[in-house]
Protein backbone atom coordinates (compact mmCIF):
# COMPACT_ATOMS: atom_id res chain seq x y z
CA UNK A 1 0.00 0.00 0.00
CA UNK A 2 1.22 3.53 -0.75
CA UNK A 3 0.05 6.92 0.48
CA UNK A 4 -0.49 8.52 -2.91
CA UNK A 5 -2.95 5.87 -4.02
CA UNK A 6 -4.82 3.35 -1.99
CA UNK A 7 -3.90 4.57 1.50
CA UNK A 8 -5.04 8.15 0.95
CA UNK A 9 -8.27 6.93 -0.63
CA UNK A 10 -8.92 4.59 2.29
CA UNK A 11 -8.28 7.37 4.81
CA UNK A 12 -10.78 9.62 3.07
CA UNK A 13 -13.32 6.78 2.93
CA UNK A 14 -12.84 5.98 6.63
CA UNK A 15 -13.21 9.60 7.74
CA UNK A 16 -16.27 10.11 5.55
CA UNK A 17 -17.98 7.05 7.02
CA UNK A 18 -17.24 8.04 10.60
CA UNK A 19 -18.22 11.68 10.12
CA UNK A 20 -21.48 10.56 8.54
CA UNK A 21 -22.20 8.90 11.90
CA UNK A 22 -21.66 12.21 13.70
CA UNK A 23 -17.98 12.01 14.71
CA UNK A 24 -15.87 15.11 14.02
CA UNK A 25 -12.46 13.39 14.15
CA UNK A 26 -10.39 16.58 13.76
CA UNK A 27 -7.38 15.24 15.67
CA UNK A 28 -7.57 11.85 14.01
CA UNK A 29 -7.95 13.47 10.59
CA UNK A 30 -4.79 15.51 11.07
CA UNK A 31 -2.94 12.46 12.39
CA UNK A 32 -3.96 10.25 9.48
CA UNK A 33 -2.97 12.93 6.97
CA UNK A 34 0.43 13.22 8.67
CA UNK A 35 0.84 9.46 8.65
CA UNK A 36 0.00 9.28 4.94
CA UNK A 37 2.64 11.92 4.19
CA UNK A 38 5.18 9.98 6.23
CA UNK A 39 4.43 6.74 4.36
CA UNK A 40 5.05 8.58 1.09
CA UNK A 41 8.27 10.18 2.34
CA UNK A 42 9.83 6.89 3.43
CA UNK A 43 8.71 5.13 0.25
CA UNK A 44 6.87 2.33 2.05
CA UNK A 45 5.13 -0.32 -0.04
CA UNK A 46 2.95 -3.19 1.06
CA UNK A 47 0.87 -3.74 4.22
CA UNK A 48 1.12 -1.21 7.04
CA UNK A 49 3.29 -2.48 9.89
CA UNK A 50 3.54 -1.58 13.56
CA UNK A 51 7.22 -0.73 13.06
CA UNK A 52 6.25 1.83 10.42
CA UNK A 53 3.58 3.32 12.67
CA UNK A 54 5.89 3.46 15.68
CA UNK A 55 8.58 5.28 13.69
CA UNK A 56 5.96 7.85 12.69
CA UNK A 57 4.70 8.19 16.26
CA UNK A 58 8.22 8.94 17.53
CA UNK A 59 8.47 11.98 15.28
CA UNK A 60 6.12 13.90 17.58
CA UNK A 61 8.69 13.83 20.38
CA UNK A 62 11.32 15.81 18.42
CA UNK A 63 14.10 13.46 19.53
CA UNK A 64 13.04 13.35 23.19
CA UNK A 65 12.31 10.02 24.85
CA UNK A 66 8.70 10.91 25.50
CA UNK A 67 6.96 7.56 25.62
CA UNK A 68 3.59 9.05 26.56
CA UNK A 69 3.44 11.33 23.53
CA UNK A 70 4.37 8.50 21.19
CA UNK A 71 1.79 6.23 22.81
CA UNK A 72 -0.98 8.81 22.40
CA UNK A 73 -0.06 9.37 18.78
CA UNK A 74 0.06 5.67 18.00
CA UNK A 75 -3.36 5.20 19.58
CA UNK A 76 -4.87 7.52 16.96
CA UNK A 77 -4.07 4.91 14.28
CA UNK A 78 -5.80 1.97 15.98
CA UNK A 79 -9.41 2.57 14.89
CA UNK A 80 -8.35 3.20 11.30
CA UNK A 81 -6.08 0.15 11.06
CA UNK A 82 -8.78 -2.11 12.53
CA UNK A 83 -11.20 -0.77 9.92
CA UNK A 84 -8.60 -1.14 7.15
CA UNK A 85 -8.12 -4.86 7.79
CA UNK A 86 -11.41 -5.62 6.03
CA UNK A 87 -9.73 -4.47 2.81
CA UNK A 88 -6.09 -5.25 3.63
CA UNK A 89 -6.06 -8.30 5.95
CA UNK A 90 -2.28 -8.12 6.42
CA UNK A 91 -2.55 -4.66 8.05
CA UNK A 92 -1.10 -4.72 11.56
CA UNK A 93 -2.97 -3.04 14.43
CA UNK A 94 -0.78 -1.31 17.05
CA UNK A 95 -1.34 -2.10 20.70
CA UNK A 96 0.32 -1.07 23.97
CA UNK A 97 3.26 -3.42 23.51
CA UNK A 98 5.38 -0.81 21.69
CA UNK A 99 5.21 2.19 24.04
CA UNK A 100 3.23 0.79 26.96
CA UNK A 101 -0.13 2.04 28.24
CA UNK A 102 -0.97 5.71 27.98
CA UNK A 103 -0.45 7.38 31.37
CA UNK A 104 -3.45 8.84 33.14
CA UNK A 105 -3.95 12.53 33.74
CA UNK A 106 -1.08 14.16 35.58
CA UNK A 107 -0.93 17.13 37.90
CA UNK A 108 -1.31 20.52 36.17
CA UNK A 109 0.43 23.76 37.07
CA UNK A 110 -2.05 25.77 39.14
CA UNK A 111 -1.31 29.45 38.65
CA UNK A 112 -1.03 31.71 41.63
CA UNK A 113 -2.73 35.07 41.47
CA UNK A 114 0.56 36.96 41.14
CA UNK A 115 1.53 34.76 38.19
CA UNK A 116 -1.70 35.60 36.39
CA UNK A 117 -1.17 39.30 37.06
CA UNK A 118 2.39 39.06 35.73
CA UNK A 119 1.25 37.18 32.60
CA UNK A 120 -1.35 39.80 31.68
CA UNK A 121 1.09 42.62 32.42
CA UNK A 122 3.71 41.06 30.17
CA UNK A 123 1.13 40.58 27.42
CA UNK A 124 0.16 44.25 27.72
CA UNK A 125 3.74 45.26 26.95
CA UNK A 126 3.95 43.36 23.67
CA UNK A 127 4.88 45.49 20.68
CA UNK A 128 4.93 47.05 18.25
CA UNK A 129 3.45 50.26 19.64
CA UNK A 130 0.05 51.12 18.23
CA UNK A 131 -0.53 47.51 17.14
CA UNK A 132 -3.46 45.39 18.26
CA UNK A 133 -1.19 42.52 19.28
CA UNK A 134 -0.95 43.42 22.97
CA UNK A 135 -4.71 43.85 23.32
CA UNK A 136 -5.45 40.55 21.58
CA UNK A 137 -2.97 38.60 23.71
CA UNK A 138 -3.91 40.14 27.05
CA UNK A 139 -7.63 39.75 26.43
CA UNK A 140 -7.32 36.18 25.19
CA UNK A 141 -5.27 34.96 28.17
CA UNK A 142 -7.43 36.94 30.59
CA UNK A 143 -10.61 35.43 29.16
CA UNK A 144 -9.29 31.87 29.45
CA UNK A 145 -8.14 32.52 33.01
CA UNK A 146 -11.49 33.90 34.19
CA UNK A 147 -13.80 31.49 32.35
CA UNK A 148 -11.82 28.26 32.01
CA UNK A 149 -12.39 28.09 28.27
CA UNK A 150 -10.33 25.74 26.18
CA UNK A 151 -7.92 27.58 23.87
CA UNK A 152 -9.80 26.17 20.86
CA UNK A 153 -13.08 27.52 22.23
CA UNK A 154 -11.68 31.01 22.76
CA UNK A 155 -10.11 31.12 19.30
CA UNK A 156 -13.34 29.81 17.76
CA UNK A 157 -15.42 32.72 19.03
CA UNK A 158 -17.02 34.91 16.39
CA UNK A 159 -18.19 38.47 16.94
CA UNK A 160 -21.79 37.22 17.13
CA UNK A 161 -20.84 34.76 19.88
CA UNK A 162 -19.78 37.53 22.27
CA UNK A 163 -22.96 39.12 23.65
CA UNK A 164 -21.84 41.86 26.00
CA UNK A 165 -25.39 43.09 26.65
CA UNK A 166 -26.42 39.79 28.20
CA UNK A 167 -22.89 39.03 29.40
CA UNK A 168 -22.64 35.62 27.76
CA UNK A 169 -20.48 33.71 25.31
CA UNK A 170 -21.88 31.11 22.93
CA UNK A 171 -19.57 28.13 22.45
CA UNK A 172 -20.49 26.16 19.33
CA UNK A 173 -19.86 22.41 19.03
CA UNK A 174 -16.73 22.33 21.12
CA UNK A 175 -14.98 19.18 22.31
CA UNK A 176 -17.32 16.16 22.25
CA UNK A 177 -19.61 18.13 19.90
CA UNK A 178 -21.27 20.02 22.76
CA UNK A 179 -22.49 23.63 22.60
CA UNK A 180 -23.14 25.79 25.65
CA UNK A 181 -23.65 29.32 26.98
CA UNK A 182 -20.94 30.72 29.27
CA UNK A 183 -22.03 33.58 31.55
CA UNK A 184 -19.43 36.27 32.25
CA UNK A 185 -18.53 38.26 35.34
CA UNK A 186 -19.04 42.01 35.02
CA UNK A 187 -15.27 42.57 35.07
CA UNK A 188 -14.86 40.19 32.12
CA UNK A 189 -17.60 42.01 30.20
CA UNK A 190 -15.80 45.32 30.78
CA UNK A 191 -12.47 43.90 29.58
CA UNK A 192 -14.06 42.41 26.45
CA UNK A 193 -15.78 45.73 25.72
CA UNK A 194 -12.46 47.58 25.90
CA UNK A 195 -10.88 45.05 23.56
CA UNK A 196 -13.79 45.26 21.13
CA UNK A 197 -13.43 49.05 20.97
CA UNK A 198 -9.68 48.76 20.31
CA UNK A 199 -10.29 46.06 17.74
CA UNK A 200 -12.80 48.22 15.86
CA UNK A 201 -10.09 50.83 15.24
CA UNK A 202 -7.97 48.27 13.39
CA UNK A 203 -10.31 45.67 11.87
CA UNK A 204 -13.66 45.83 10.13
CA UNK A 205 -16.08 43.15 11.27
CA UNK A 206 -19.22 41.22 10.49
CA UNK A 207 -21.10 38.93 12.90
CA UNK A 208 -19.13 35.99 11.45
CA UNK A 209 -15.68 37.61 11.83
CA UNK A 210 -13.36 35.94 14.39
CA UNK A 211 -13.31 37.77 17.72
CA UNK A 212 -9.56 37.17 18.19
CA UNK A 213 -7.56 38.01 15.08
CA UNK A 214 -4.08 38.12 13.65
CA UNK A 215 -2.69 41.63 13.93
CA UNK A 216 0.09 41.98 11.37
CA UNK A 217 0.51 42.70 7.66
CA UNK A 218 -1.65 41.04 5.05
CA UNK A 219 -3.06 38.63 7.65
CA UNK A 220 -4.59 41.46 9.70
CA UNK A 221 -8.10 40.45 10.70
CA UNK A 222 -7.66 36.76 9.86
CA UNK A 223 -8.32 34.03 12.47
CA UNK A 224 -5.62 33.75 15.11
CA UNK A 225 -4.06 30.29 15.04
CA UNK A 226 -3.36 27.99 17.96
CA UNK A 227 0.29 27.82 16.91
CA UNK A 228 0.68 31.61 17.00
CA UNK A 229 -0.82 31.80 20.47
CA UNK A 230 1.40 29.06 21.88
CA UNK A 231 4.47 30.71 20.40
CA UNK A 232 3.62 34.00 22.11
CA UNK A 233 2.85 32.22 25.39
CA UNK A 234 6.16 30.35 25.37
CA UNK A 235 7.99 33.61 24.81
CA UNK A 236 6.22 35.28 27.75
CA UNK A 237 6.72 32.22 29.93
CA UNK A 238 10.46 32.34 29.29
CA UNK A 239 10.63 36.01 30.26
CA UNK A 240 8.62 35.49 33.44
CA UNK A 241 10.79 32.56 34.60
CA UNK A 242 8.07 30.58 36.33
CA UNK A 243 8.98 27.47 38.31
CA UNK A 244 6.84 24.55 37.15
CA UNK A 245 4.68 23.05 39.91
CA UNK A 246 2.97 20.53 37.65
CA UNK A 247 4.06 17.36 35.89
CA UNK A 248 4.01 18.55 32.27
CA UNK A 249 7.50 20.02 32.25
CA UNK A 250 6.40 23.67 32.09
CA UNK A 251 3.27 25.76 32.74
CA UNK A 252 0.85 25.61 29.81
CA UNK A 253 -2.01 27.69 28.43
CA UNK A 254 -4.36 24.80 29.28
CA UNK A 255 -3.32 25.13 32.91
CA UNK A 256 -5.21 28.45 32.97
CA UNK A 257 -8.37 26.36 32.57
CA UNK A 258 -7.33 23.98 35.35
CA UNK A 259 -6.49 26.93 37.59
CA UNK A 260 -9.94 28.43 37.07
CA UNK A 261 -11.60 25.17 38.10
CA UNK A 262 -9.41 24.76 41.19
CA UNK A 263 -9.94 28.36 42.37
CA UNK A 264 -13.70 27.96 42.03
CA UNK A 265 -13.74 24.69 44.00
CA UNK A 266 -11.55 26.15 46.74
CA UNK A 267 -13.85 29.18 47.01
CA UNK A 268 -16.97 27.03 47.25
CA UNK A 269 -15.33 24.94 49.95
CA UNK A 270 -14.40 28.05 51.94
CA UNK A 271 -17.94 29.37 51.60
CA UNK A 272 -19.42 26.08 52.79
CA UNK A 273 -21.28 25.45 49.53
CA UNK A 274 -22.70 22.06 48.57
CA UNK A 275 -19.73 20.63 46.68
CA UNK A 276 -21.76 17.96 44.89
CA UNK A 277 -24.12 20.53 43.41
CA UNK A 278 -21.11 22.71 42.68
CA UNK A 279 -19.46 19.88 40.78
CA UNK A 280 -22.50 19.50 38.55
CA UNK A 281 -22.61 23.23 37.85
CA UNK A 282 -18.88 23.45 37.16
CA UNK A 283 -18.97 20.40 34.90
CA UNK A 284 -21.66 22.06 32.79
CA UNK A 285 -19.87 25.41 32.75
CA UNK A 286 -16.58 23.85 31.62
CA UNK A 287 -18.24 21.64 29.00
CA UNK A 288 -17.04 18.36 30.49
CA UNK A 289 -18.52 15.25 28.89
CA UNK A 290 -18.73 13.48 32.26
CA UNK A 291 -18.95 14.89 35.78
CA UNK A 292 -16.21 12.40 36.76
CA UNK A 293 -13.81 14.59 34.76
CA UNK A 294 -14.62 17.41 37.19
CA UNK A 295 -14.34 15.23 40.29
CA UNK A 296 -10.81 14.33 39.12
CA UNK A 297 -9.60 17.66 40.49
CA UNK A 298 -10.27 16.49 44.04
CA UNK A 299 -7.74 13.67 43.72
CA UNK A 300 -5.43 14.89 40.96
CA UNK A 301 -4.54 18.36 42.23
CA UNK A 302 -2.62 18.83 45.51
CA UNK A 303 -4.43 22.10 46.28
CA UNK A 304 -7.72 20.17 46.47
CA UNK A 305 -6.56 16.86 47.89
CA UNK A 306 -6.25 18.43 51.34
CA UNK A 307 -9.80 19.80 51.06
CA UNK A 308 -11.08 16.35 50.16
CA UNK A 309 -9.24 14.93 53.16
CA UNK A 310 -10.75 17.50 55.51
CA UNK A 311 -14.24 16.77 54.22
CA UNK A 312 -13.69 13.05 54.77
CA UNK A 313 -12.49 13.69 58.33
CA UNK A 314 -15.58 15.81 58.96
CA UNK A 315 -17.95 13.08 57.76
CA UNK A 316 -15.98 10.46 59.69
CA UNK A 317 -16.42 12.49 62.89
CA UNK A 318 -20.16 12.82 62.24
CA UNK A 319 -20.41 9.06 61.71
CA UNK A 320 -18.51 8.34 64.92
CA UNK A 321 -20.68 10.76 66.90
CA UNK A 322 -23.80 9.11 65.53
CA UNK A 323 -22.49 5.65 66.36
CA UNK A 324 -22.01 6.45 70.03
């Protein structure tokens, strides 16, 4: 099998069938396209092998011995290769034997308040002077920090999705295909209004125009890409010199979302709120597919593990008192 002929056609057929059933498969689509290019580059012929797939999966680690990244990448090929065997019986299906099982979720970096203040201040100083770049960056990171949006959700916002009169954001078909309304605090509404006014002086808009845009040259007003945002964040992170308190190697943009969730849970605990009802509300607000993904914070984040322990001790004391 080669990528230019049969393989590419089979990939397109597989994706079309799955998407017809309602699956979006964005990540898998990108992975399969990358794999097809790799097969062409190495000149592979014949049935797809696990060795070939593993070599491709290692490319994502850029030379580092990152078993977890390779394992996650290899996993993306499993559904397709199982499906492909009906046409190419000699196709091998990768399992966990090559890189081992994919590790579970690991501890994120939970930002302290002074770190968030420093991040937004550094974003505000981005040049060039008179350019929209600083306003875009500061507003984007501030919005993620105060709402817990995924970076893809923030970048996917259109002008029509940001309703400052009602103080809500509309998130369309995000992860797991879910849509939701996200209410905003008054301070967030004020910050978004300031950004919108600045934006209007640089970019003409329609209701379908991206809310966060590229700010330079011929690309002015075009959608801001995930890659651009991560490049800016890594630059600011290097300047700020943060010490990583998570297990990902360095603080990430996605940790702004985790930090929002943790701060909210800590606040509810301090206020004596019903944590079970709070979990349901937070799960809906964050767009989690399962409430168990929200409960993970209680056991996966050190800042909340102590709270969970205290609550257990409290219930244990009540049980002992009632048993006497």
